[in-house]
Structure formats: C-alpha cells, structure tokens
Amino acid sequence: MWLGTSASAGSSRRVRRNSRERRVITTAQGSRWPEGVRNALPYSLVLVLLPPSETKSDGGSGAPLDLAALTMPQLTGVRERLIDELAKLAAEPDTARTVLGLGKGADAEIARNAALRTSPTRPALERYTGVLYDALDAKSFTKAQRAKALARLGIGSALFGAVRAGDPIPAYRLSGGTKLPGQPTLSAIWRDSLADALVAEADGDLVIDLRSGSYQQLGRVPGAITANVLTEHPDGSRTVVSHFNKHHKGLLARALVLTRAEPGDIRAVAQVARKAGLRAEIAGPAELLIIT
C-alpha cells in the first residue's frame, strides 16, 4: 500500500478496509506533515511515480535529514552508502565537477552534497523544481488537494531511490546516469532493492510510472503503466521533445491528483488525461501516449 509513514514509530495509524474502499492515514501532531494536512491524509489506490529534477529549491525549515523517517526505510543502507560517497566526492572539487557534470560556477552544488546530513530539509514536493513541477503547480493545491498529492505522488531519486511527496529531504546533486568513482553504476546499486521496495510499497495498487528511462532503470515496477509524451509534427511524424515531455507529464500528474476518480486500469487513466484536456492514446496494455 502507498501509505504515509510518520517521523516516529507508532505515530501513524493505518486503517484498512475492503481493497477498493477509501482509506485514511491519521498522523500524530508533531509529525513531518505540513500544517493543515497532517491530521487526515487520504489513502490512495494509485501510486504516481514522478522523475526528479536537476534543479532544486534552496534551504528549508525542516530538521536535518533523518533517513529512518523516509518512506521505504528498508533502503536506508543504500541511502547511507550514497550519502557517504557524495561527501567523499565533495572533498575533491575538481573530481566532483567532472563526475557530476558541473561547470566551475556550480560549486554550490558540491557544497550541497558536502552538507547532506546537516542542511535543512523541506518536503520533496517543494524541493524539486523545473518544467514538470511548474506544470504540476503544487502551490495552487487546496489543503485537500495537497493531502491527496502527498498520498498519491512518489518521486524517483538517484540518491534516495524513491521518496513520497511529503518526505523531508535536503537539496543535493546526483543524477540517475552518474557513475561515482570506485562504485558500480547507480542502476546496479539500486536495481534489486528499489524494485522490491516499490513493489512492496504499492502492494497491488495501480502504479503509473512517469519516471524517465534512467530512473526506471534504478528499479522497475512490473505491470506499471508508463506514459510517453510525443510531439506530432506537420508531416505526421512524432518525436520526443524534452520540454514538452516534462510539461505534459506534469499536467498528467496534476490531473491524477485533482481527479475524484480512483483509476484502476489504463483506460481509466486515459480518461482522466482526456478530461484534463490532454490528447491520450493507448499504445499497449500498459503504455499510454500523450500527444502534443
């Protein structure tokens, strides 16, 4: 089940009913959830996995990173390992620039990695920025819509594997295709543990995987619905255009948050997309196309 976990043991109550009924997570005061949504988060029968973004907001008002408080704590060992590797890399700025693909003017990104254990956190939904997250426009959500977003949205991460939208994380720099010195590829590091964790977390619920290819490779979810965005040209050909791909995935994610439906299959997901004004085509049993 895609359920919230609280910042301390025993501070969340999970209510389970029949498989397709609405369920509620109740969290204690003092948990990490923002004011106005912490008392009753809706259970979602759908998990929407978003890609992360290279760009991230600065700062935050949350306490420093607590790995045990993140969703899927079974991934803590891998998360610890990668944080340690990034800290070591940050001690060698020239190497860090090369490995992370940074220019000389981007040393602030290296400083972020050096301070992962001490810098302030903010909910992942507020940490990631850029085209997709602009289209998602979480700032415009009502309290009820935000609660639903926290219950329904997950975000892939090269550093954390995947987090829930409400998980408190610091700013960092690590992309899915990065190869850390002396380490296997990130897909090799994450593949088995993340895939198993995502399957366990979804617990049979519908998964809509909007992550890009490099993040899907970190841990695939068997049977997940994928959505590809193609731009149709005057000659009828269709290609992927990065900006439109991100923008329309953000619009689809927004539609899946705002809908009152609990889509149970790809046809229902396509219907949600169409009602939101998107041109959706079903390309296969688990493949949705959004045409721009």
C-alpha atoms as a PDB file:
ATOM      1  CA  MET A   1       0.000   0.000   0.000  1.00  0.00           C
ATOM      2  CA  TRP A   2       1.223   3.522  -0.754  1.00  0.00           C
ATOM      3  CA  LEU A   3       0.809   4.760   2.797  1.00  0.00           C
ATOM      4  CA  GLY A   4       2.480   7.531   4.745  1.00  0.00           C
ATOM      5  CA  THR A   5       4.976   6.800   7.496  1.00  0.00           C
ATOM      6  CA  SER A   6       5.411   9.159  10.404  1.00  0.00           C
ATOM      7  CA  ALA A   7       8.612  10.586  11.746  1.00  0.00           C
ATOM      8  CA  SER A   8       8.458   8.463  14.869  1.00  0.00           C
ATOM      9  CA  ALA A   9       7.434   4.874  15.461  1.00  0.00           C
ATOM     10  CA  GLY A  10       3.788   4.449  16.334  1.00  0.00           C
ATOM     11  CA  SER A  11       2.779   7.977  15.357  1.00  0.00           C
ATOM     12  CA  SER A  12       0.681   6.932  12.381  1.00  0.00           C
ATOM     13  CA  ARG A  13      -2.461   4.843  12.315  1.00  0.00           C
ATOM     14  CA  ARG A  14      -3.355   2.879   9.206  1.00  0.00           C
ATOM     15  CA  VAL A  15      -6.940   1.967   8.508  1.00  0.00           C
ATOM     16  CA  ARG A  16      -7.511  -0.944   6.136  1.00  0.00           C
ATOM     17  CA  ARG A  17     -10.878  -1.739   4.638  1.00  0.00           C
ATOM     18  CA  ASN A  18     -12.017  -3.631   1.558  1.00  0.00           C
ATOM     19  CA  SER A  19      -9.479  -3.403  -1.260  1.00  0.00           C
ATOM     20  CA  ARG A  20     -11.179  -0.663  -3.303  1.00  0.00           C
ATOM     21  CA  GLU A  21     -12.562   1.460  -0.456  1.00  0.00           C
ATOM     22  CA  ARG A  22     -11.250   4.830   0.610  1.00  0.00           C
ATOM     23  CA  ARG A  23      -8.736   4.589   3.445  1.00  0.00           C
ATOM     24  CA  VAL A  24      -7.304   7.198   5.746  1.00  0.00           C
ATOM     25  CA  ILE A  25      -3.929   7.742   7.386  1.00  0.00           C
ATOM     26  CA  THR A  26      -4.082   9.651  10.653  1.00  0.00           C
ATOM     27  CA  THR A  27      -0.825  11.143  11.878  1.00  0.00           C
ATOM     28  CA  ALA A  28       0.012  12.489  15.294  1.00  0.00           C
ATOM     29  CA  GLN A  29       0.738  16.143  15.968  1.00  0.00           C
ATOM     30  CA  GLY A  30       4.428  16.863  15.587  1.00  0.00           C
ATOM     31  CA  SER A  31       4.906  14.612  12.568  1.00  0.00           C
ATOM     32  CA  ARG A  32       6.630  15.949   9.483  1.00  0.00           C
ATOM     33  CA  TRP A  33       3.460  16.714   7.529  1.00  0.00           C
ATOM     34  CA  PRO A  34       2.725  20.379   6.802  1.00  0.00           C
ATOM     35  CA  GLU A  35       0.148  22.253   8.865  1.00  0.00           C
ATOM     36  CA  GLY A  36      -3.377  21.675   7.654  1.00  0.00           C
ATOM     37  CA  VAL A  37      -2.847  18.195   6.201  1.00  0.00           C
ATOM     38  CA  ARG A  38      -1.145  16.275   8.980  1.00  0.00           C
ATOM     39  CA  ASN A  39      -4.310  15.103  10.708  1.00  0.00           C
ATOM     40  CA  ALA A  40      -6.027  13.146   7.945  1.00  0.00           C
ATOM     41  CA  LEU A  41      -4.245  12.081   4.786  1.00  0.00           C
ATOM     42  CA  PRO A  42      -6.349  10.154   2.256  1.00  0.00           C
ATOM     43  CA  TYR A  43      -5.192   6.706   1.318  1.00  0.00           C
ATOM     44  CA  SER A  44      -4.615   6.447  -2.425  1.00  0.00           C
ATOM     45  CA  LEU A  45      -5.264   3.366  -4.526  1.00  0.00           C
ATOM     46  CA  VAL A  46      -2.924   4.813  -7.152  1.00  0.00           C
ATOM     47  CA  LEU A  47       0.803   5.495  -6.958  1.00  0.00           C
ATOM     48  CA  VAL A  48       2.146   8.036  -9.459  1.00  0.00           C
ATOM     49  CA  LEU A  49       5.942   7.959  -9.719  1.00  0.00           C
ATOM     50  CA  LEU A  50       7.464  11.226 -10.947  1.00  0.00           C
ATOM     51  CA  PRO A  51      11.013  11.826 -12.125  1.00  0.00           C
ATOM     52  CA  PRO A  52      13.175  14.124 -10.003  1.00  0.00           C
ATOM     53  CA  SER A  53      14.672  17.319 -11.373  1.00  0.00           C
ATOM     54  CA  GLU A  54      18.241  18.531 -11.673  1.00  0.00           C
ATOM     55  CA  THR A  55      17.160  21.872 -10.236  1.00  0.00           C
ATOM     56  CA  LYS A  56      16.134  22.012  -6.603  1.00  0.00           C
ATOM     57  CA  SER A  57      14.987  24.754  -4.287  1.00  0.00           C
ATOM     58  CA  ASP A  58      17.358  26.026  -1.619  1.00  0.00           C
ATOM     59  CA  GLY A  59      17.031  25.880   2.132  1.00  0.00           C
ATOM     60  CA  GLY A  60      14.002  24.709   4.020  1.00  0.00           C
ATOM     61  CA  SER A  61      12.585  24.901   7.531  1.00  0.00           C
ATOM     62  CA  GLY A  62      12.764  21.201   8.344  1.00  0.00           C
ATOM     63  CA  ALA A  63      15.208  19.459  10.659  1.00  0.00           C
ATOM     64  CA  PRO A  64      18.310  17.836   9.135  1.00  0.00           C
ATOM     65  CA  LEU A  65      17.896  14.610   7.204  1.00  0.00           C
ATOM     66  CA  ASP A  66      16.551  11.633   9.163  1.00  0.00           C
ATOM     67  CA  LEU A  67      16.840   8.611   6.896  1.00  0.00           C
ATOM     68  CA  ALA A  68      14.753   6.469   9.228  1.00  0.00           C
ATOM     69  CA  ALA A  69      11.808   8.836   8.703  1.00  0.00           C
ATOM     70  CA  LEU A  70      11.745   8.439   4.922  1.00  0.00           C
ATOM     71  CA  THR A  71       9.362   6.170   3.073  1.00  0.00           C
ATOM     72  CA  MET A  72      10.747   2.660   2.485  1.00  0.00           C
ATOM     73  CA  PRO A  73      13.227   2.595   5.389  1.00  0.00           C
ATOM     74  CA  GLN A  74      14.494  -0.760   4.085  1.00  0.00           C
ATOM     75  CA  LEU A  75      16.510   1.362   1.640  1.00  0.00           C
ATOM     76  CA  THR A  76      18.390   3.141   4.440  1.00  0.00           C
ATOM     77  CA  GLY A  77      21.585   1.141   3.918  1.00  0.00           C
ATOM     78  CA  VAL A  78      21.888   2.124   0.262  1.00  0.00           C
ATOM     79  CA  ARG A  79      20.971   5.716   1.056  1.00  0.00           C
ATOM     80  CA  GLU A  80      23.687   5.861   3.746  1.00  0.00           C
ATOM     81  CA  ARG A  81      26.225   4.446   1.308  1.00  0.00           C
ATOM     82  CA  LEU A  82      25.477   7.033  -1.370  1.00  0.00           C
ATOM     83  CA  ILE A  83      25.485   9.937   1.081  1.00  0.00           C
ATOM     84  CA  ASP A  84      28.917   8.843   2.282  1.00  0.00           C
ATOM     85  CA  GLU A  85      30.174   8.580  -1.304  1.00  0.00           C
ATOM     86  CA  LEU A  86      28.899  12.056  -2.169  1.00  0.00           C
ATOM     87  CA  ALA A  87      30.543  13.503   0.936  1.00  0.00           C
ATOM     88  CA  LYS A  88      33.872  11.949  -0.056  1.00  0.00           C
ATOM     89  CA  LEU A  89      33.475  13.236  -3.598  1.00  0.00           C
ATOM     90  CA  ALA A  90      32.713  16.748  -2.347  1.00  0.00           C
ATOM     91  CA  ALA A  91      36.119  16.835  -0.659  1.00  0.00           C
ATOM     92  CA  GLU A  92      37.707  16.779  -4.141  1.00  0.00           C
ATOM     93  CA  PRO A  93      36.008  19.632  -6.045  1.00  0.00           C
ATOM     94  CA  ASP A  94      37.796  19.101  -9.370  1.00  0.00           C
ATOM     95  CA  THR A  95      36.827  15.432  -9.456  1.00  0.00           C
ATOM     96  CA  ALA A  96      33.317  16.259  -8.266  1.00  0.00           C
ATOM     97  CA  ARG A  97      32.796  18.718 -11.129  1.00  0.00           C
ATOM     98  CA  THR A  98      33.781  16.070 -13.665  1.00  0.00           C
ATOM     99  CA  VAL A  99      31.754  13.250 -12.126  1.00  0.00           C
ATOM    100  CA  LEU A 100      28.634  15.344 -11.560  1.00  0.00           C
ATOM    101  CA  GLY A 101      28.897  17.197 -14.883  1.00  0.00           C
ATOM    102  CA  LEU A 102      29.245  20.631 -13.309  1.00  0.00           C
ATOM    103  CA  GLY A 103      30.926  23.789 -14.517  1.00  0.00           C
ATOM    104  CA  LYS A 104      33.283  25.814 -12.340  1.00  0.00           C
ATOM    105  CA  GLY A 105      30.475  28.178 -11.459  1.00  0.00           C
ATOM    106  CA  ALA A 106      28.387  25.446  -9.880  1.00  0.00           C
ATOM    107  CA  ASP A 107      30.408  24.734  -6.748  1.00  0.00           C
ATOM    108  CA  ALA A 108      27.305  25.431  -4.667  1.00  0.00           C
ATOM    109  CA  GLU A 109      26.029  22.053  -5.876  1.00  0.00           C
ATOM    110  CA  ILE A 110      29.136  20.379  -4.455  1.00  0.00           C
ATOM    111  CA  ALA A 111      28.627  22.238  -1.178  1.00  0.00           C
ATOM    112  CA  ARG A 112      25.094  20.867  -1.018  1.00  0.00           C
ATOM    113  CA  ASN A 113      26.439  17.324  -1.209  1.00  0.00           C
ATOM    114  CA  ALA A 114      29.003  18.037   1.497  1.00  0.00           C
ATOM    115  CA  ALA A 115      26.226  19.160   3.860  1.00  0.00           C
ATOM    116  CA  LEU A 116      23.622  16.457   3.246  1.00  0.00           C
ATOM    117  CA  ARG A 117      23.488  15.386   6.893  1.00  0.00           C
ATOM    118  CA  THR A 118      23.309  18.891   8.354  1.00  0.00           C
ATOM    119  CA  SER A 119      21.426  21.109   5.905  1.00  0.00           C
ATOM    120  CA  PRO A 120      17.720  21.883   6.385  1.00  0.00           C
ATOM    121  CA  THR A 121      15.051  19.825   4.682  1.00  0.00           C
ATOM    122  CA  ARG A 122      11.753  20.516   3.006  1.00  0.00           C
ATOM    123  CA  PRO A 123       9.070  18.172   1.581  1.00  0.00           C
ATOM    124  CA  ALA A 124      10.172  16.552  -1.671  1.00  0.00           C
ATOM    125  CA  LEU A 125       7.175  18.083  -3.441  1.00  0.00           C
ATOM    126  CA  GLU A 126       8.657  21.504  -2.661  1.00  0.00           C
ATOM    127  CA  ARG A 127      12.306  20.542  -3.136  1.00  0.00           C
ATOM    128  CA  TYR A 128      12.158  19.603  -6.819  1.00  0.00           C
ATOM    129  CA  THR A 129      11.629  22.410  -9.330  1.00  0.00           C
ATOM    130  CA  GLY A 130      11.631  22.851 -13.108  1.00  0.00           C
ATOM    131  CA  VAL A 131       9.304  22.332 -16.051  1.00  0.00           C
ATOM    132  CA  LEU A 132       7.428  19.268 -14.781  1.00  0.00           C
ATOM    133  CA  TYR A 133       6.928  20.703 -11.313  1.00  0.00           C
ATOM    134  CA  ASP A 134       5.836  24.059 -12.730  1.00  0.00           C
ATOM    135  CA  ALA A 135       3.125  22.215 -14.674  1.00  0.00           C
ATOM    136  CA  LEU A 136       2.140  20.196 -11.600  1.00  0.00           C
ATOM    137  CA  ASP A 137       1.759  23.561  -9.813  1.00  0.00           C
ATOM    138  CA  ALA A 138       1.516  22.138  -6.311  1.00  0.00           C
ATOM    139  CA  LYS A 139       1.463  25.657  -4.858  1.00  0.00           C
ATOM    140  CA  SER A 140      -2.049  26.082  -6.243  1.00  0.00           C
ATOM    141  CA  PHE A 141      -3.442  23.000  -4.478  1.00  0.00           C
ATOM    142  CA  THR A 142      -6.069  23.416  -1.805  1.00  0.00           C
ATOM    143  CA  LYS A 143      -5.401  21.713   1.528  1.00  0.00           C
ATOM    144  CA  ALA A 144      -7.462  18.721   0.427  1.00  0.00           C
ATOM    145  CA  GLN A 145      -5.698  18.523  -2.930  1.00  0.00           C
ATOM    146  CA  ARG A 146      -2.303  18.773  -1.273  1.00  0.00           C
ATOM    147  CA  ALA A 147      -3.238  15.963   1.089  1.00  0.00           C
ATOM    148  CA  LYS A 148      -4.165  13.848  -1.903  1.00  0.00           C
ATOM    149  CA  ALA A 149      -0.893  14.729  -3.635  1.00  0.00           C
ATOM    150  CA  LEU A 150       1.070  13.632  -0.573  1.00  0.00           C
ATOM    151  CA  ALA A 151      -0.807  10.330  -0.573  1.00  0.00           C
ATOM    152  CA  ARG A 152      -0.659   9.708  -4.317  1.00  0.00           C
ATOM    153  CA  LEU A 153       2.700  11.032  -5.558  1.00  0.00           C
ATOM    154  CA  GLY A 154       6.128   9.468  -5.281  1.00  0.00           C
ATOM    155  CA  ILE A 155       9.346  10.837  -6.756  1.00  0.00           C
ATOM    156  CA  GLY A 156      12.275   8.838  -8.082  1.00  0.00           C
ATOM    157  CA  SER A 157      15.724   9.790  -6.821  1.00  0.00           C
ATOM    158  CA  ALA A 158      19.248   8.697  -7.627  1.00  0.00           C
ATOM    159  CA  LEU A 159      20.211   9.407  -4.003  1.00  0.00           C
ATOM    160  CA  PHE A 160      17.171   8.102  -2.131  1.00  0.00           C
ATOM    161  CA  GLY A 161      15.778   5.572  -4.623  1.00  0.00           C
ATOM    162  CA  ALA A 162      12.283   6.980  -4.300  1.00  0.00           C
ATOM    163  CA  VAL A 163      10.509   9.161  -1.767  1.00  0.00           C
ATOM    164  CA  ARG A 164       6.968  10.224  -1.081  1.00  0.00           C
ATOM    165  CA  ALA A 165       5.973  13.761  -1.909  1.00  0.00           C
ATOM    166  CA  GLY A 166       5.932  14.668   1.781  1.00  0.00           C
ATOM    167  CA  ASP A 167       9.269  13.133   2.723  1.00  0.00           C
ATOM    168  CA  PRO A 168      11.668  15.806   4.087  1.00  0.00           C
ATOM    169  CA  ILE A 169      14.885  15.884   2.072  1.00  0.00           C
ATOM    170  CA  PRO A 170      17.820  18.287   1.626  1.00  0.00           C
ATOM    171  CA  ALA A 171      18.981  19.762  -1.662  1.00  0.00           C
ATOM    172  CA  TYR A 172      21.536  17.563  -3.436  1.00  0.00           C
ATOM    173  CA  ARG A 173      23.133  16.859  -6.788  1.00  0.00           C
ATOM    174  CA  LEU A 174      23.137  13.315  -8.175  1.00  0.00           C
ATOM    175  CA  SER A 175      21.646  12.191 -11.483  1.00  0.00           C
ATOM    176  CA  GLY A 176      20.478   8.726 -12.450  1.00  0.00           C
ATOM    177  CA  GLY A 177      23.222   8.297 -15.026  1.00  0.00           C
ATOM    178  CA  THR A 178      26.095   9.360 -12.761  1.00  0.00           C
ATOM    179  CA  LYS A 179      28.929   6.876 -12.143  1.00  0.00           C
ATOM    180  CA  LEU A 180      30.551   7.505  -8.769  1.00  0.00           C
ATOM    181  CA  PRO A 181      34.299   6.777  -8.504  1.00  0.00           C
ATOM    182  CA  GLY A 182      35.056   3.205  -7.478  1.00  0.00           C
ATOM    183  CA  GLN A 183      31.368   2.268  -7.407  1.00  0.00           C
ATOM    184  CA  PRO A 184      29.083   0.244  -9.680  1.00  0.00           C
ATOM    185  CA  THR A 185      26.543   2.122 -11.767  1.00  0.00           C
ATOM    186  CA  LEU A 186      23.608   3.536  -9.858  1.00  0.00           C
ATOM    187  CA  SER A 187      21.284   1.119 -11.623  1.00  0.00           C
ATOM    188  CA  ALA A 188      23.406  -1.766 -10.324  1.00  0.00           C
ATOM    189  CA  ILE A 189      23.425  -0.283  -6.823  1.00  0.00           C
ATOM    190  CA  TRP A 190      19.671   0.279  -6.711  1.00  0.00           C
ATOM    191  CA  ARG A 191      18.092  -2.230  -9.051  1.00  0.00           C
ATOM    192  CA  ASP A 192      17.131  -5.150  -6.797  1.00  0.00           C
ATOM    193  CA  SER A 193      16.477  -3.325  -3.538  1.00  0.00           C
ATOM    194  CA  LEU A 194      14.487  -0.463  -5.063  1.00  0.00           C
ATOM    195  CA  ALA A 195      12.359  -2.666  -7.302  1.00  0.00           C
ATOM    196  CA  ASP A 196      11.425  -4.892  -4.360  1.00  0.00           C
ATOM    197  CA  ALA A 197      10.715  -1.882  -2.142  1.00  0.00           C
ATOM    198  CA  LEU A 198       8.461  -0.219  -4.721  1.00  0.00           C
ATOM    199  CA  VAL A 199       6.509  -3.413  -5.318  1.00  0.00           C
ATOM    200  CA  ALA A 200       6.036  -3.880  -1.578  1.00  0.00           C
ATOM    201  CA  GLU A 201       5.027  -0.252  -1.094  1.00  0.00           C
ATOM    202  CA  ALA A 202       2.473  -0.322  -3.915  1.00  0.00           C
ATOM    203  CA  ASP A 203       1.061  -3.614  -2.567  1.00  0.00           C
ATOM    204  CA  GLY A 204      -1.032  -4.345  -5.634  1.00  0.00           C
ATOM    205  CA  ASP A 205      -2.288  -0.804  -6.212  1.00  0.00           C
ATOM    206  CA  LEU A 206      -2.126   0.718  -9.685  1.00  0.00           C
ATOM    207  CA  VAL A 207       1.293   2.244 -10.422  1.00  0.00           C
ATOM    208  CA  ILE A 208       1.671   4.967 -13.053  1.00  0.00           C
ATOM    209  CA  ASP A 209       5.373   5.382 -13.737  1.00  0.00           C
ATOM    210  CA  LEU A 210       6.226   8.773 -15.221  1.00  0.00           C
ATOM    211  CA  ARG A 211       9.934   8.494 -14.436  1.00  0.00           C
ATOM    212  CA  SER A 212      12.407   8.916 -17.281  1.00  0.00           C
ATOM    213  CA  GLY A 213      14.306   5.885 -18.544  1.00  0.00           C
ATOM    214  CA  SER A 214      17.405   6.327 -16.383  1.00  0.00           C
ATOM    215  CA  TYR A 215      15.261   6.411 -13.246  1.00  0.00           C
ATOM    216  CA  GLN A 216      13.090   3.486 -14.289  1.00  0.00           C
ATOM    217  CA  GLN A 217      16.312   1.509 -14.648  1.00  0.00           C
ATOM    218  CA  LEU A 218      17.059   2.095 -10.968  1.00  0.00           C
ATOM    219  CA  GLY A 219      14.064  -0.049 -10.074  1.00  0.00           C
ATOM    220  CA  ARG A 220      11.236  -1.140 -12.334  1.00  0.00           C
ATOM    221  CA  VAL A 221       7.724  -1.935 -11.151  1.00  0.00           C
ATOM    222  CA  PRO A 222       6.273  -4.920 -13.053  1.00  0.00           C
ATOM    223  CA  GLY A 223       2.896  -4.102 -14.573  1.00  0.00           C
ATOM    224  CA  ALA A 224       3.223  -0.353 -14.069  1.00  0.00           C
ATOM    225  CA  ILE A 225       1.550   1.910 -16.611  1.00  0.00           C
ATOM    226  CA  THR A 226       4.075   4.114 -18.385  1.00  0.00           C
ATOM    227  CA  ALA A 227       3.334   7.346 -20.211  1.00  0.00           C
ATOM    228  CA  ASN A 228       5.381   8.652 -23.108  1.00  0.00           C
ATOM    229  CA  VAL A 229       4.929  12.161 -24.480  1.00  0.00           C
ATOM    230  CA  LEU A 230       5.377  12.635 -28.222  1.00  0.00           C
ATOM    231  CA  THR A 231       5.199  15.828 -30.242  1.00  0.00           C
ATOM    232  CA  GLU A 232       3.403  15.408 -33.571  1.00  0.00           C
ATOM    233  CA  HIS A 233       4.937  17.335 -36.466  1.00  0.00           C
ATOM    234  CA  PRO A 234       3.156  18.642 -39.610  1.00  0.00           C
ATOM    235  CA  ASP A 235       4.390  15.651 -41.639  1.00  0.00           C
ATOM    236  CA  GLY A 236       2.755  13.285 -39.143  1.00  0.00           C
ATOM    237  CA  SER A 237       5.988  12.112 -37.545  1.00  0.00           C
ATOM    238  CA  ARG A 238       6.236  12.009 -33.778  1.00  0.00           C
ATOM    239  CA  THR A 239       9.312  12.667 -31.666  1.00  0.00           C
ATOM    240  CA  VAL A 240      10.190  13.291 -28.042  1.00  0.00           C
ATOM    241  CA  VAL A 241      10.798  16.968 -27.266  1.00  0.00           C
ATOM    242  CA  SER A 242      12.274  17.325 -23.784  1.00  0.00           C
ATOM    243  CA  HIS A 243      10.409  20.464 -22.704  1.00  0.00           C
ATOM    244  CA  PHE A 244       7.010  19.207 -23.845  1.00  0.00           C
ATOM    245  CA  ASN A 245       7.715  15.767 -22.371  1.00  0.00           C
ATOM    246  CA  LYS A 246       8.296  17.240 -18.922  1.00  0.00           C
ATOM    247  CA  HIS A 247       5.470  19.770 -19.174  1.00  0.00           C
ATOM    248  CA  HIS A 248       2.820  17.269 -20.190  1.00  0.00           C
ATOM    249  CA  LYS A 249       3.911  14.690 -17.626  1.00  0.00           C
ATOM    250  CA  GLY A 250       3.435  17.435 -15.059  1.00  0.00           C
ATOM    251  CA  LEU A 251      -0.049  18.127 -16.424  1.00  0.00           C
ATOM    252  CA  LEU A 252      -0.897  14.419 -16.305  1.00  0.00           C
ATOM    253  CA  ALA A 253       0.338  14.151 -12.721  1.00  0.00           C
ATOM    254  CA  ARG A 254      -1.755  17.181 -11.805  1.00  0.00           C
ATOM    255  CA  ALA A 255      -4.826  15.613 -13.406  1.00  0.00           C
ATOM    256  CA  LEU A 256      -4.250  12.411 -11.435  1.00  0.00           C
ATOM    257  CA  VAL A 257      -4.114  14.426  -8.214  1.00  0.00           C
ATOM    258  CA  LEU A 258      -7.192  16.536  -8.938  1.00  0.00           C
ATOM    259  CA  THR A 259      -9.448  13.773 -10.251  1.00  0.00           C
ATOM    260  CA  ARG A 260     -12.062  12.350  -7.933  1.00  0.00           C
ATOM    261  CA  ALA A 261     -11.691   9.007  -9.666  1.00  0.00           C
ATOM    262  CA  GLU A 262      -9.553   6.109  -8.483  1.00  0.00           C
ATOM    263  CA  PRO A 263      -8.469   4.790 -11.917  1.00  0.00           C
ATOM    264  CA  GLY A 264      -7.963   1.057 -11.879  1.00  0.00           C
ATOM    265  CA  ASP A 265      -6.575   0.446 -15.360  1.00  0.00           C
ATOM    266  CA  ILE A 266      -5.025   2.177 -18.348  1.00  0.00           C
ATOM    267  CA  ARG A 267      -8.382   3.048 -19.917  1.00  0.00           C
ATOM    268  CA  ALA A 268      -9.400   4.902 -16.784  1.00  0.00           C
ATOM    269  CA  VAL A 269      -6.045   6.711 -16.682  1.00  0.00           C
ATOM    270  CA  ALA A 270      -6.522   7.759 -20.315  1.00  0.00           C
ATOM    271  CA  GLN A 271      -9.988   9.046 -19.457  1.00  0.00           C
ATOM    272  CA  VAL A 272      -8.571  11.174 -16.631  1.00  0.00           C
ATOM    273  CA  ALA A 273      -5.998  12.594 -19.045  1.00  0.00           C
ATOM    274  CA  ARG A 274      -8.611  13.415 -21.684  1.00  0.00           C
ATOM    275  CA  LYS A 275     -10.893  15.121 -19.177  1.00  0.00           C
ATOM    276  CA  ALA A 276      -7.921  17.332 -18.312  1.00  0.00           C
ATOM    277  CA  GLY A 277      -7.591  18.348 -21.968  1.00  0.00           C
ATOM    278  CA  LEU A 278      -4.713  16.057 -22.878  1.00  0.00           C
ATOM    279  CA  ARG A 279      -4.635  14.038 -26.080  1.00  0.00           C
ATOM    280  CA  ALA A 280      -4.166  10.492 -24.829  1.00  0.00           C
ATOM    281  CA  GLU A 281      -3.784   7.287 -26.821  1.00  0.00           C
ATOM    282  CA  ILE A 282      -3.474   3.743 -25.530  1.00  0.00           C
ATOM    283  CA  ALA A 283      -0.478   2.164 -27.259  1.00  0.00           C
ATOM    284  CA  GLY A 284      -0.416  -1.131 -25.386  1.00  0.00           C
ATOM    285  CA  PRO A 285      -1.684  -2.926 -22.286  1.00  0.00           C
ATOM    286  CA  ALA A 286       0.458  -0.704 -20.054  1.00  0.00           C
ATOM    287  CA  GLU A 287       1.631   2.102 -22.350  1.00  0.00           C
ATOM    288  CA  LEU A 288      -0.094   5.453 -22.615  1.00  0.00           C
ATOM    289  CA  LEU A 289       0.867   8.079 -25.187  1.00  0.00           C
ATOM    290  CA  ILE A 290       0.297  11.781 -24.638  1.00  0.00           C
ATOM    291  CA  ILE A 291       0.414  13.628 -27.966  1.00  0.00           C
ATOM    292  CA  THR A 292       1.273  17.309 -28.135  1.00  0.00           C
END
